[in-house]
């Protein structure tokens, strides 16, 4: 696959944030581990990682449901979010992803489509000198139905005035992939901070990335 030829097929690009563009997932996981210690629920790093892109309150709700616990969802979410706020400065861009963003910026409009809150998204992008590369941000504050629903990515495409079928999504989780495919958008998964071009998947493919 010629990567340059592949990218030329698209009129816009949508990037997830956490775990895709920046190395922030360990910080989010540490926040959930802290909340688990405070509220006594079971912490499984893999389970929480696989929910990357899902807003924190929805994750707290899933914890309560799957572990059959009566949790104060707002309180759990606040404890996790407060922890993340304390360490957010440690969220750094993946070098390979910054190079990709820099190269694409000169040719096509770019958007962020993330399950993070807008305030955190703005902070992370600004801290890493990335804010000016993205014409629009779509965050958890902007949609009702979050990933794996396609709304985050569909709104991102609409904001940059590009048809979903003409957008390529960069993601790092299966939930994000599902959201892209539900929106009839092609997808490349990020592995260890780099695009794994072998995972390129068209929305109507039978197999996943």
N, C-alpha and C. Protein backbone atom coordinates (compact mmCIF):
# COMPACT_ATOMS: atom_id res chain seq x y z
N UNK A 1 0.84 -1.21 0.00
CA UNK A 1 0.00 0.00 0.00
C UNK A 1 0.88 1.26 0.00
N UNK A 2 0.65 2.14 -0.96
CA UNK A 2 1.34 3.41 -0.98
C UNK A 2 0.58 4.39 -0.09
N UNK A 3 1.20 4.77 1.02
CA UNK A 3 0.50 5.59 2.00
C UNK A 3 0.09 6.94 1.41
N UNK A 4 0.99 7.53 0.65
CA UNK A 4 0.68 8.83 0.06
C UNK A 4 -0.53 8.74 -0.86
N UNK A 5 -0.59 7.67 -1.65
CA UNK A 5 -1.73 7.49 -2.55
C UNK A 5 -3.02 7.29 -1.76
N UNK A 6 -2.93 6.55 -0.66
CA UNK A 6 -4.11 6.33 0.18
C UNK A 6 -4.62 7.65 0.74
N UNK A 7 -3.74 8.46 1.29
CA UNK A 7 -4.15 9.71 1.92
C UNK A 7 -4.73 10.69 0.90
N UNK A 8 -4.25 10.63 -0.33
CA UNK A 8 -4.74 11.53 -1.37
C UNK A 8 -6.21 11.31 -1.70
N UNK A 9 -6.75 10.16 -1.32
CA UNK A 9 -8.14 9.83 -1.64
C UNK A 9 -9.13 10.58 -0.76
N UNK A 10 -8.65 11.20 0.32
CA UNK A 10 -9.55 11.79 1.31
C UNK A 10 -9.53 13.31 1.26
N UNK A 11 -10.67 13.89 1.62
CA UNK A 11 -10.81 15.34 1.65
C UNK A 11 -10.68 15.91 3.07
N UNK A 12 -10.60 15.04 4.07
CA UNK A 12 -10.47 15.48 5.45
C UNK A 12 -10.08 14.33 6.35
N UNK A 13 -9.58 14.67 7.54
CA UNK A 13 -9.10 13.65 8.47
C UNK A 13 -9.60 13.98 9.88
N UNK A 14 -10.02 12.93 10.58
CA UNK A 14 -10.53 13.09 11.95
C UNK A 14 -9.67 12.25 12.88
N UNK A 15 -9.17 12.87 13.93
CA UNK A 15 -8.30 12.21 14.89
C UNK A 15 -8.99 12.09 16.24
N UNK A 16 -8.99 10.88 16.78
CA UNK A 16 -9.26 10.72 18.21
C UNK A 16 -8.10 11.38 18.95
N UNK A 17 -8.27 11.62 20.24
CA UNK A 17 -7.22 12.30 21.01
C UNK A 17 -6.44 11.32 21.89
N UNK A 18 -7.08 10.81 22.93
CA UNK A 18 -6.38 10.01 23.94
C UNK A 18 -5.98 8.64 23.38
N UNK A 19 -4.68 8.36 23.41
CA UNK A 19 -4.18 7.09 22.93
C UNK A 19 -3.95 7.06 21.44
N UNK A 20 -4.48 8.05 20.74
CA UNK A 20 -4.29 8.15 19.30
C UNK A 20 -3.28 9.24 18.97
N UNK A 21 -3.57 10.44 19.40
CA UNK A 21 -2.71 11.58 19.13
C UNK A 21 -1.72 11.82 20.27
N UNK A 22 -2.18 11.63 21.48
CA UNK A 22 -1.33 11.87 22.65
C UNK A 22 -1.29 10.65 23.56
N UNK A 23 -0.18 10.52 24.26
CA UNK A 23 0.04 9.38 25.16
C UNK A 23 -0.57 9.71 26.53
N UNK A 24 -1.89 9.73 26.57
CA UNK A 24 -2.60 10.11 27.79
C UNK A 24 -3.37 8.97 28.43
N UNK A 25 -3.50 7.84 27.74
CA UNK A 25 -4.27 6.74 28.30
C UNK A 25 -3.72 6.25 29.64
N UNK A 26 -2.40 6.15 29.83
CA UNK A 26 -1.91 5.75 31.16
C UNK A 26 -2.36 6.69 32.27
N UNK A 27 -2.53 7.96 31.95
CA UNK A 27 -2.98 8.94 32.94
C UNK A 27 -4.46 8.73 33.26
N UNK A 28 -5.26 8.47 32.24
CA UNK A 28 -6.68 8.17 32.48
C UNK A 28 -6.82 6.88 33.29
N UNK A 29 -6.01 5.89 32.96
CA UNK A 29 -6.08 4.61 33.69
C UNK A 29 -5.69 4.81 35.15
N UNK A 30 -4.68 5.63 35.39
CA UNK A 30 -4.29 5.91 36.77
C UNK A 30 -5.42 6.59 37.52
N UNK A 31 -6.16 7.45 36.82
CA UNK A 31 -7.31 8.10 37.44
C UNK A 31 -8.39 7.10 37.82
N UNK A 32 -8.63 6.12 36.96
CA UNK A 32 -9.62 5.09 37.28
C UNK A 32 -9.14 4.18 38.40
N UNK A 33 -7.86 3.90 38.42
CA UNK A 33 -7.32 3.08 39.51
C UNK A 33 -7.47 3.80 40.84
N UNK A 34 -7.25 5.11 40.82
CA UNK A 34 -7.43 5.91 42.03
C UNK A 34 -8.89 5.91 42.47
N UNK A 35 -9.80 6.11 41.52
CA UNK A 35 -11.23 6.11 41.86
C UNK A 35 -11.66 4.75 42.39
N UNK A 36 -11.10 3.68 41.84
CA UNK A 36 -11.43 2.34 42.31
C UNK A 36 -11.00 2.15 43.76
N UNK A 37 -9.83 2.69 44.10
CA UNK A 37 -9.35 2.58 45.47
C UNK A 37 -10.24 3.37 46.43
N UNK A 38 -10.73 4.51 45.97
CA UNK A 38 -11.57 5.36 46.81
C UNK A 38 -12.95 4.74 47.02
N UNK A 39 -13.53 4.18 45.95
CA UNK A 39 -14.92 3.71 46.02
C UNK A 39 -15.06 2.19 46.07
N UNK A 40 -13.95 1.48 46.04
CA UNK A 40 -13.99 0.04 46.29
C UNK A 40 -14.49 -0.82 45.16
N UNK A 41 -14.43 -0.32 43.93
CA UNK A 41 -14.81 -1.19 42.81
C UNK A 41 -13.57 -1.83 42.19
N UNK A 42 -13.79 -2.89 41.43
CA UNK A 42 -12.67 -3.63 40.84
C UNK A 42 -12.07 -2.86 39.68
N UNK A 43 -10.75 -2.81 39.64
CA UNK A 43 -10.04 -2.12 38.57
C UNK A 43 -9.34 -3.13 37.68
N UNK A 44 -9.66 -3.12 36.41
CA UNK A 44 -9.00 -3.97 35.42
C UNK A 44 -8.51 -3.06 34.30
N UNK A 45 -7.20 -2.94 34.17
CA UNK A 45 -6.62 -1.97 33.23
C UNK A 45 -7.07 -2.22 31.80
N UNK A 46 -7.11 -3.47 31.39
CA UNK A 46 -7.50 -3.79 30.01
C UNK A 46 -8.94 -3.39 29.74
N UNK A 47 -9.81 -3.68 30.70
CA UNK A 47 -11.23 -3.34 30.56
C UNK A 47 -11.41 -1.84 30.39
N UNK A 48 -10.72 -1.07 31.24
CA UNK A 48 -10.85 0.38 31.15
C UNK A 48 -10.22 0.92 29.87
N UNK A 49 -9.09 0.36 29.47
CA UNK A 49 -8.45 0.83 28.24
C UNK A 49 -9.36 0.63 27.04
N UNK A 50 -10.04 -0.50 27.01
CA UNK A 50 -10.92 -0.80 25.88
C UNK A 50 -12.12 0.14 25.80
N UNK A 51 -12.34 0.90 26.86
CA UNK A 51 -13.41 1.90 26.87
C UNK A 51 -12.89 3.28 26.52
N UNK A 52 -11.67 3.34 26.02
CA UNK A 52 -11.11 4.61 25.60
C UNK A 52 -12.02 5.28 24.58
N UNK A 53 -12.31 6.56 24.77
CA UNK A 53 -13.22 7.28 23.89
C UNK A 53 -14.61 7.42 24.46
N UNK A 54 -14.90 6.67 25.52
CA UNK A 54 -16.20 6.76 26.19
C UNK A 54 -16.08 7.78 27.33
N UNK A 55 -17.02 8.71 27.46
CA UNK A 55 -16.95 9.70 28.53
C UNK A 55 -16.90 9.06 29.92
N UNK A 56 -16.24 9.73 30.85
CA UNK A 56 -16.00 9.16 32.17
C UNK A 56 -17.28 8.79 32.92
N UNK A 57 -18.30 9.64 32.82
CA UNK A 57 -19.52 9.32 33.57
C UNK A 57 -20.19 8.06 33.03
N UNK A 58 -20.12 7.87 31.72
CA UNK A 58 -20.69 6.66 31.14
C UNK A 58 -19.89 5.44 31.57
N UNK A 59 -18.57 5.58 31.69
CA UNK A 59 -17.75 4.48 32.18
C UNK A 59 -18.11 4.15 33.62
N UNK A 60 -18.29 5.18 34.44
CA UNK A 60 -18.69 4.96 35.83
C UNK A 60 -20.01 4.20 35.89
N UNK A 61 -20.93 4.54 35.00
CA UNK A 61 -22.22 3.84 34.94
C UNK A 61 -22.02 2.38 34.57
N UNK A 62 -21.13 2.12 33.63
CA UNK A 62 -20.84 0.74 33.23
C UNK A 62 -20.21 -0.05 34.38
N UNK A 63 -19.35 0.61 35.15
CA UNK A 63 -18.76 -0.03 36.33
C UNK A 63 -19.86 -0.46 37.29
N UNK A 64 -20.77 0.46 37.58
CA UNK A 64 -21.86 0.16 38.51
C UNK A 64 -22.72 -0.98 38.00
N UNK A 65 -23.00 -0.99 36.71
CA UNK A 65 -23.87 -2.02 36.13
C UNK A 65 -23.18 -3.38 36.09
N UNK A 66 -21.94 -3.41 35.62
CA UNK A 66 -21.25 -4.70 35.45
C UNK A 66 -20.82 -5.31 36.78
N UNK A 67 -20.58 -4.45 37.78
CA UNK A 67 -20.16 -4.96 39.09
C UNK A 67 -21.30 -4.97 40.11
N UNK A 68 -22.49 -4.61 39.63
CA UNK A 68 -23.69 -4.62 40.49
C UNK A 68 -23.47 -3.81 41.76
N UNK A 69 -23.04 -2.56 41.56
CA UNK A 69 -22.74 -1.67 42.68
C UNK A 69 -23.64 -0.44 42.64
N UNK A 70 -23.93 0.09 43.81
CA UNK A 70 -24.69 1.32 43.93
C UNK A 70 -23.70 2.46 44.11
N UNK A 71 -23.26 3.03 43.01
CA UNK A 71 -22.24 4.08 43.05
C UNK A 71 -22.87 5.44 42.78
N UNK A 72 -22.31 6.45 43.43
CA UNK A 72 -22.66 7.83 43.11
C UNK A 72 -21.86 8.19 41.86
N UNK A 73 -22.51 8.16 40.71
CA UNK A 73 -21.80 8.30 39.45
C UNK A 73 -21.11 9.65 39.32
N UNK A 74 -21.76 10.70 39.79
CA UNK A 74 -21.16 12.02 39.71
C UNK A 74 -19.92 12.11 40.58
N UNK A 75 -19.99 11.51 41.77
CA UNK A 75 -18.85 11.55 42.68
C UNK A 75 -17.67 10.76 42.13
N UNK A 76 -17.95 9.57 41.59
CA UNK A 76 -16.89 8.75 41.01
C UNK A 76 -16.24 9.49 39.84
N UNK A 77 -17.07 10.06 39.00
CA UNK A 77 -16.55 10.80 37.84
C UNK A 77 -15.69 11.96 38.28
N UNK A 78 -16.10 12.67 39.32
CA UNK A 78 -15.34 13.83 39.79
C UNK A 78 -13.98 13.40 40.34
N UNK A 79 -13.95 12.32 41.11
CA UNK A 79 -12.68 11.85 41.67
C UNK A 79 -11.71 11.48 40.54
N UNK A 80 -12.22 10.76 39.55
CA UNK A 80 -11.37 10.39 38.42
C UNK A 80 -10.91 11.63 37.67
N UNK A 81 -11.83 12.53 37.38
CA UNK A 81 -11.51 13.73 36.60
C UNK A 81 -10.55 14.65 37.33
N UNK A 82 -10.75 14.79 38.64
CA UNK A 82 -9.85 15.62 39.44
C UNK A 82 -8.42 15.07 39.41
N UNK A 83 -8.31 13.76 39.47
CA UNK A 83 -6.99 13.13 39.41
C UNK A 83 -6.34 13.43 38.06
N UNK A 84 -7.11 13.26 37.00
CA UNK A 84 -6.55 13.50 35.66
C UNK A 84 -6.11 14.95 35.51
N UNK A 85 -6.89 15.87 36.06
CA UNK A 85 -6.52 17.28 35.98
C UNK A 85 -5.16 17.54 36.63
N UNK A 86 -4.84 16.78 37.67
CA UNK A 86 -3.57 16.97 38.37
C UNK A 86 -2.37 16.50 37.55
N UNK A 87 -2.61 15.57 36.62
CA UNK A 87 -1.49 15.00 35.86
C UNK A 87 -1.58 15.30 34.37
N UNK A 88 -2.52 16.14 33.97
CA UNK A 88 -2.78 16.36 32.55
C UNK A 88 -1.57 16.93 31.82
N UNK A 89 -0.70 17.62 32.54
CA UNK A 89 0.49 18.19 31.89
C UNK A 89 1.45 17.12 31.39
N UNK A 90 1.27 15.89 31.87
CA UNK A 90 2.13 14.78 31.45
C UNK A 90 1.66 14.13 30.14
N UNK A 91 0.53 14.56 29.63
CA UNK A 91 0.00 14.01 28.38
C UNK A 91 0.77 14.61 27.21
N UNK A 92 1.59 13.80 26.56
CA UNK A 92 2.46 14.29 25.50
C UNK A 92 2.11 13.66 24.16
N UNK A 93 2.32 14.43 23.11
CA UNK A 93 2.00 13.96 21.76
C UNK A 93 2.96 12.85 21.34
N UNK A 94 2.44 11.87 20.61
CA UNK A 94 3.30 10.86 20.01
C UNK A 94 4.05 11.51 18.85
N UNK A 95 5.38 11.42 18.81
CA UNK A 95 6.15 12.09 17.75
C UNK A 95 5.70 11.72 16.34
N UNK A 96 5.42 10.45 16.10
CA UNK A 96 5.00 10.03 14.76
C UNK A 96 3.66 10.65 14.38
N UNK A 97 2.80 10.84 15.38
CA UNK A 97 1.50 11.43 15.10
C UNK A 97 1.61 12.94 14.85
N UNK A 98 2.51 13.59 15.56
CA UNK A 98 2.71 15.02 15.30
C UNK A 98 3.25 15.22 13.89
N UNK A 99 4.14 14.34 13.46
CA UNK A 99 4.67 14.43 12.10
C UNK A 99 3.55 14.25 11.07
N UNK A 100 2.67 13.28 11.32
CA UNK A 100 1.55 13.04 10.41
C UNK A 100 0.63 14.24 10.35
N UNK A 101 0.28 14.78 11.51
CA UNK A 101 -0.61 15.94 11.57
C UNK A 101 0.01 17.12 10.83
N UNK A 102 1.29 17.35 11.06
CA UNK A 102 1.98 18.47 10.41
C UNK A 102 1.95 18.34 8.90
N UNK A 103 2.15 17.12 8.42
CA UNK A 103 2.15 16.90 6.97
C UNK A 103 0.75 17.05 6.37
N UNK A 104 -0.25 16.50 7.04
CA UNK A 104 -1.61 16.55 6.51
C UNK A 104 -2.20 17.96 6.56
N UNK A 105 -1.79 18.72 7.55
CA UNK A 105 -2.34 20.06 7.78
C UNK A 105 -2.21 20.95 6.54
N UNK A 106 -1.17 20.76 5.77
CA UNK A 106 -0.92 21.62 4.62
C UNK A 106 -1.78 21.26 3.41
N UNK A 107 -2.52 20.16 3.50
CA UNK A 107 -3.26 19.67 2.34
C UNK A 107 -4.76 19.51 2.56
N UNK A 108 -5.17 19.19 3.79
CA UNK A 108 -6.57 18.86 4.05
C UNK A 108 -6.99 19.41 5.42
N UNK A 109 -8.29 19.68 5.62
CA UNK A 109 -8.77 20.08 6.94
C UNK A 109 -8.70 18.92 7.94
N UNK A 110 -8.37 19.25 9.18
CA UNK A 110 -8.25 18.26 10.24
C UNK A 110 -9.23 18.57 11.36
N UNK A 111 -9.75 17.51 11.99
CA UNK A 111 -10.68 17.67 13.11
C UNK A 111 -10.30 16.70 14.22
N UNK A 112 -10.65 17.08 15.43
CA UNK A 112 -10.55 16.19 16.59
C UNK A 112 -11.94 15.65 16.89
N UNK A 113 -12.03 14.33 17.10
CA UNK A 113 -13.28 13.69 17.52
C UNK A 113 -13.00 12.83 18.73
N UNK A 114 -13.30 13.35 19.91
CA UNK A 114 -12.88 12.71 21.15
C UNK A 114 -14.00 12.58 22.17
N UNK A 115 -13.84 11.61 23.05
CA UNK A 115 -14.76 11.45 24.16
C UNK A 115 -14.36 12.25 25.38
N UNK A 116 -13.27 13.00 25.29
CA UNK A 116 -12.83 13.85 26.39
C UNK A 116 -13.66 15.13 26.46
N UNK A 117 -13.67 15.74 27.63
CA UNK A 117 -14.34 17.02 27.79
C UNK A 117 -13.57 18.09 27.01
N UNK A 118 -14.28 19.13 26.60
CA UNK A 118 -13.63 20.19 25.82
C UNK A 118 -12.50 20.85 26.59
N UNK A 119 -12.69 21.10 27.86
CA UNK A 119 -11.65 21.80 28.62
C UNK A 119 -10.36 21.00 28.63
N UNK A 120 -10.46 19.68 28.80
CA UNK A 120 -9.26 18.85 28.80
C UNK A 120 -8.65 18.76 27.41
N UNK A 121 -9.50 18.68 26.40
CA UNK A 121 -9.01 18.63 25.02
C UNK A 121 -8.22 19.87 24.68
N UNK A 122 -8.76 21.03 25.03
CA UNK A 122 -8.07 22.29 24.75
C UNK A 122 -6.73 22.35 25.46
N UNK A 123 -6.69 21.91 26.72
CA UNK A 123 -5.45 21.95 27.50
C UNK A 123 -4.39 21.06 26.87
N UNK A 124 -4.76 19.83 26.56
CA UNK A 124 -3.79 18.87 26.01
C UNK A 124 -3.25 19.35 24.66
N UNK A 125 -4.12 19.82 23.80
CA UNK A 125 -3.68 20.31 22.49
C UNK A 125 -2.77 21.53 22.63
N UNK A 126 -3.14 22.46 23.50
CA UNK A 126 -2.33 23.65 23.71
C UNK A 126 -0.97 23.30 24.30
N UNK A 127 -0.95 22.41 25.26
CA UNK A 127 0.31 22.02 25.90
C UNK A 127 1.30 21.41 24.91
N UNK A 128 0.76 20.79 23.87
CA UNK A 128 1.62 20.11 22.90
C UNK A 128 1.76 20.86 21.58
N UNK A 129 1.32 22.11 21.56
CA UNK A 129 1.47 22.93 20.37
C UNK A 129 0.69 22.44 19.18
N UNK A 130 -0.48 21.83 19.43
CA UNK A 130 -1.25 21.21 18.37
C UNK A 130 -2.55 21.94 18.02
N UNK A 131 -2.97 22.86 18.86
CA UNK A 131 -4.31 23.44 18.69
C UNK A 131 -4.51 24.07 17.31
N UNK A 132 -3.50 24.74 16.80
CA UNK A 132 -3.67 25.47 15.54
C UNK A 132 -3.81 24.56 14.32
N UNK A 133 -3.50 23.28 14.47
CA UNK A 133 -3.59 22.36 13.34
C UNK A 133 -5.02 21.90 13.07
N UNK A 134 -5.90 22.07 14.04
CA UNK A 134 -7.24 21.51 13.93
C UNK A 134 -8.28 22.61 13.78
N UNK A 135 -9.02 22.55 12.69
CA UNK A 135 -10.05 23.56 12.44
C UNK A 135 -11.18 23.46 13.45
N UNK A 136 -11.52 22.24 13.84
CA UNK A 136 -12.65 22.04 14.74
C UNK A 136 -12.32 20.96 15.77
N UNK A 137 -13.00 21.06 16.90
CA UNK A 137 -12.94 20.04 17.95
C UNK A 137 -14.36 19.56 18.22
N UNK A 138 -14.55 18.26 18.23
CA UNK A 138 -15.81 17.68 18.68
C UNK A 138 -15.50 16.84 19.91
N UNK A 139 -16.10 17.23 21.03
CA UNK A 139 -15.79 16.61 22.32
C UNK A 139 -17.04 15.98 22.92
N UNK A 140 -16.88 15.43 24.11
CA UNK A 140 -18.03 14.81 24.78
C UNK A 140 -19.11 15.83 25.10
N UNK A 141 -18.73 17.11 25.14
CA UNK A 141 -19.69 18.17 25.43
C UNK A 141 -20.61 18.47 24.24
N UNK A 142 -20.24 17.99 23.06
CA UNK A 142 -20.92 18.40 21.84
C UNK A 142 -21.94 17.41 21.31
N UNK A 143 -21.96 16.19 21.83
CA UNK A 143 -22.90 15.18 21.34
C UNK A 143 -23.60 14.50 22.52
N UNK A 144 -24.76 13.95 22.25
CA UNK A 144 -25.51 13.20 23.26
C UNK A 144 -25.12 11.73 23.23
N UNK A 145 -24.98 11.22 22.02
CA UNK A 145 -24.66 9.80 21.85
C UNK A 145 -23.18 9.66 21.51
N UNK A 146 -22.42 9.13 22.46
CA UNK A 146 -20.98 9.05 22.31
C UNK A 146 -20.55 7.72 21.68
N UNK A 147 -19.26 7.60 21.42
CA UNK A 147 -18.72 6.35 20.87
C UNK A 147 -19.16 5.18 21.75
N UNK A 148 -19.55 4.06 21.14
CA UNK A 148 -19.38 3.63 19.75
C UNK A 148 -20.42 4.15 18.77
N UNK A 149 -21.32 5.04 19.20
CA UNK A 149 -22.19 5.71 18.23
C UNK A 149 -21.34 6.61 17.33
N UNK A 150 -21.76 6.85 16.12
CA UNK A 150 -20.93 7.59 15.17
C UNK A 150 -21.02 9.10 15.27
N UNK A 151 -21.86 9.62 16.17
CA UNK A 151 -22.18 11.05 16.17
C UNK A 151 -20.95 11.95 16.28
N UNK A 152 -19.97 11.55 17.10
CA UNK A 152 -18.77 12.37 17.28
C UNK A 152 -18.05 12.56 15.96
N UNK A 153 -17.89 11.49 15.20
CA UNK A 153 -17.18 11.56 13.93
C UNK A 153 -18.02 12.22 12.84
N UNK A 154 -19.32 11.96 12.85
CA UNK A 154 -20.19 12.57 11.85
C UNK A 154 -20.25 14.09 12.02
N UNK A 155 -20.32 14.54 13.27
CA UNK A 155 -20.33 15.98 13.52
C UNK A 155 -18.99 16.60 13.13
N UNK A 156 -17.90 15.88 13.39
CA UNK A 156 -16.58 16.38 13.00
C UNK A 156 -16.50 16.57 11.49
N UNK A 157 -16.99 15.58 10.74
CA UNK A 157 -16.98 15.68 9.28
C UNK A 157 -17.84 16.86 8.81
N UNK A 158 -19.00 17.02 9.43
CA UNK A 158 -19.89 18.12 9.04
C UNK A 158 -19.24 19.48 9.31
N UNK A 159 -18.54 19.59 10.41
CA UNK A 159 -17.91 20.86 10.78
C UNK A 159 -16.83 21.27 9.79
N UNK A 160 -16.13 20.29 9.21
CA UNK A 160 -15.11 20.63 8.22
C UNK A 160 -15.66 20.54 6.79
N UNK A 161 -16.99 20.34 6.71
CA UNK A 161 -17.69 20.35 5.42
C UNK A 161 -17.16 19.28 4.47
N UNK A 162 -16.98 18.08 5.01
CA UNK A 162 -16.50 16.95 4.21
C UNK A 162 -17.47 15.78 4.42
N UNK A 163 -17.84 15.11 3.34
CA UNK A 163 -18.70 13.94 3.45
C UNK A 163 -18.01 12.86 4.29
N UNK A 164 -18.76 12.15 5.13
CA UNK A 164 -18.15 11.09 5.94
C UNK A 164 -17.35 10.09 5.11
N UNK A 165 -17.86 9.74 3.95
CA UNK A 165 -17.17 8.77 3.10
C UNK A 165 -15.86 9.30 2.54
N UNK A 166 -15.65 10.61 2.67
CA UNK A 166 -14.42 11.23 2.18
C UNK A 166 -13.47 11.58 3.31
N UNK A 167 -13.79 11.09 4.52
CA UNK A 167 -12.94 11.30 5.69
C UNK A 167 -12.23 10.01 6.07
N UNK A 168 -11.02 10.14 6.59
CA UNK A 168 -10.31 9.02 7.18
C UNK A 168 -10.17 9.29 8.67
N UNK A 169 -10.53 8.30 9.47
CA UNK A 169 -10.48 8.41 10.93
C UNK A 169 -9.24 7.70 11.46
N UNK A 170 -8.58 8.33 12.43
CA UNK A 170 -7.47 7.70 13.15
C UNK A 170 -7.94 7.42 14.57
N UNK A 171 -7.84 6.17 14.99
CA UNK A 171 -8.34 5.72 16.29
C UNK A 171 -7.38 4.70 16.90
N UNK A 172 -7.60 4.40 18.20
CA UNK A 172 -6.75 3.40 18.84
C UNK A 172 -7.53 2.30 19.53
N UNK A 173 -8.86 2.35 19.52
CA UNK A 173 -9.65 1.33 20.21
C UNK A 173 -10.70 0.75 19.28
N UNK A 174 -11.18 -0.42 19.66
CA UNK A 174 -12.24 -1.07 18.89
C UNK A 174 -13.54 -0.26 18.96
N UNK A 175 -13.77 0.40 20.09
CA UNK A 175 -14.96 1.25 20.21
C UNK A 175 -14.89 2.40 19.21
N UNK A 176 -13.71 2.98 19.08
CA UNK A 176 -13.54 4.05 18.10
C UNK A 176 -13.69 3.55 16.68
N UNK A 177 -13.14 2.37 16.41
CA UNK A 177 -13.31 1.76 15.09
C UNK A 177 -14.78 1.53 14.78
N UNK A 178 -15.51 1.02 15.76
CA UNK A 178 -16.94 0.78 15.56
C UNK A 178 -17.67 2.08 15.24
N UNK A 179 -17.31 3.15 15.96
CA UNK A 179 -17.95 4.44 15.71
C UNK A 179 -17.67 4.92 14.29
N UNK A 180 -16.44 4.75 13.84
CA UNK A 180 -16.09 5.16 12.48
C UNK A 180 -16.89 4.36 11.45
N UNK A 181 -16.96 3.07 11.65
CA UNK A 181 -17.66 2.24 10.68
C UNK A 181 -19.17 2.48 10.71
N UNK A 182 -19.71 2.75 11.88
CA UNK A 182 -21.13 3.09 11.96
C UNK A 182 -21.42 4.38 11.19
N UNK A 183 -20.41 5.25 11.13
CA UNK A 183 -20.56 6.49 10.38
C UNK A 183 -20.16 6.37 8.92
N UNK A 184 -19.89 5.13 8.48
CA UNK A 184 -19.49 4.86 7.09
C UNK A 184 -18.22 5.61 6.73
N UNK A 185 -17.26 5.56 7.67
CA UNK A 185 -15.98 6.23 7.49
C UNK A 185 -14.86 5.19 7.57
N UNK A 186 -13.84 5.39 6.75
CA UNK A 186 -12.70 4.50 6.77
C UNK A 186 -11.83 4.79 7.99
N UNK A 187 -11.00 3.82 8.37
CA UNK A 187 -10.30 3.92 9.65
C UNK A 187 -8.91 3.32 9.57
N UNK A 188 -7.97 3.94 10.28
CA UNK A 188 -6.65 3.37 10.52
C UNK A 188 -6.43 3.38 12.03
N UNK A 189 -5.98 2.27 12.57
CA UNK A 189 -5.72 2.19 14.00
C UNK A 189 -4.29 2.61 14.32
N UNK A 190 -4.14 3.19 15.49
CA UNK A 190 -2.84 3.61 16.00
C UNK A 190 -2.33 2.54 16.96
N UNK A 191 -1.12 2.08 16.73
CA UNK A 191 -0.48 1.08 17.59
C UNK A 191 0.82 1.65 18.14
N UNK A 192 0.91 1.72 19.46
CA UNK A 192 2.12 2.20 20.12
C UNK A 192 2.57 3.55 19.57
N UNK A 193 1.61 4.42 19.36
CA UNK A 193 1.91 5.79 18.97
C UNK A 193 2.19 6.02 17.50
N UNK A 194 1.93 5.00 16.67
CA UNK A 194 2.18 5.14 15.24
C UNK A 194 1.01 4.57 14.45
N UNK A 195 0.72 5.13 13.28
CA UNK A 195 -0.33 4.53 12.44
C UNK A 195 0.11 3.15 11.97
N UNK A 196 -0.75 2.18 12.15
CA UNK A 196 -0.50 0.85 11.62
C UNK A 196 -1.30 0.75 10.32
N UNK A 197 -0.65 1.04 9.21
CA UNK A 197 -1.36 1.14 7.94
C UNK A 197 -1.94 -0.19 7.50
N UNK A 198 -1.43 -1.27 8.09
CA UNK A 198 -1.99 -2.59 7.78
C UNK A 198 -3.39 -2.77 8.35
N UNK A 199 -3.79 -1.88 9.25
CA UNK A 199 -5.13 -1.97 9.85
C UNK A 199 -6.16 -1.16 9.07
N UNK A 200 -5.74 -0.55 7.98
CA UNK A 200 -6.68 0.26 7.19
C UNK A 200 -7.91 -0.57 6.85
N UNK A 201 -9.08 -0.02 7.16
CA UNK A 201 -10.33 -0.73 6.95
C UNK A 201 -11.37 0.21 6.36
N UNK A 202 -12.02 -0.23 5.30
CA UNK A 202 -13.14 0.53 4.76
C UNK A 202 -14.39 0.21 5.57
N UNK A 203 -15.32 1.15 5.60
CA UNK A 203 -16.48 1.01 6.49
C UNK A 203 -17.31 -0.22 6.20
N UNK A 204 -17.30 -0.70 4.98
CA UNK A 204 -18.15 -1.84 4.63
C UNK A 204 -17.39 -3.16 4.57
N UNK A 205 -16.15 -3.15 5.10
CA UNK A 205 -15.38 -4.39 5.10
C UNK A 205 -15.97 -5.38 6.09
N UNK A 206 -15.85 -6.64 5.80
CA UNK A 206 -16.39 -7.68 6.67
C UNK A 206 -15.54 -7.87 7.92
N UNK A 207 -14.25 -7.64 7.82
CA UNK A 207 -13.36 -7.84 8.96
C UNK A 207 -12.98 -6.51 9.56
N UNK A 208 -12.66 -6.54 10.84
CA UNK A 208 -12.30 -5.31 11.54
C UNK A 208 -10.83 -5.02 11.34
N UNK A 209 -10.44 -3.81 11.77
CA UNK A 209 -9.04 -3.42 11.66
C UNK A 209 -8.17 -4.39 12.44
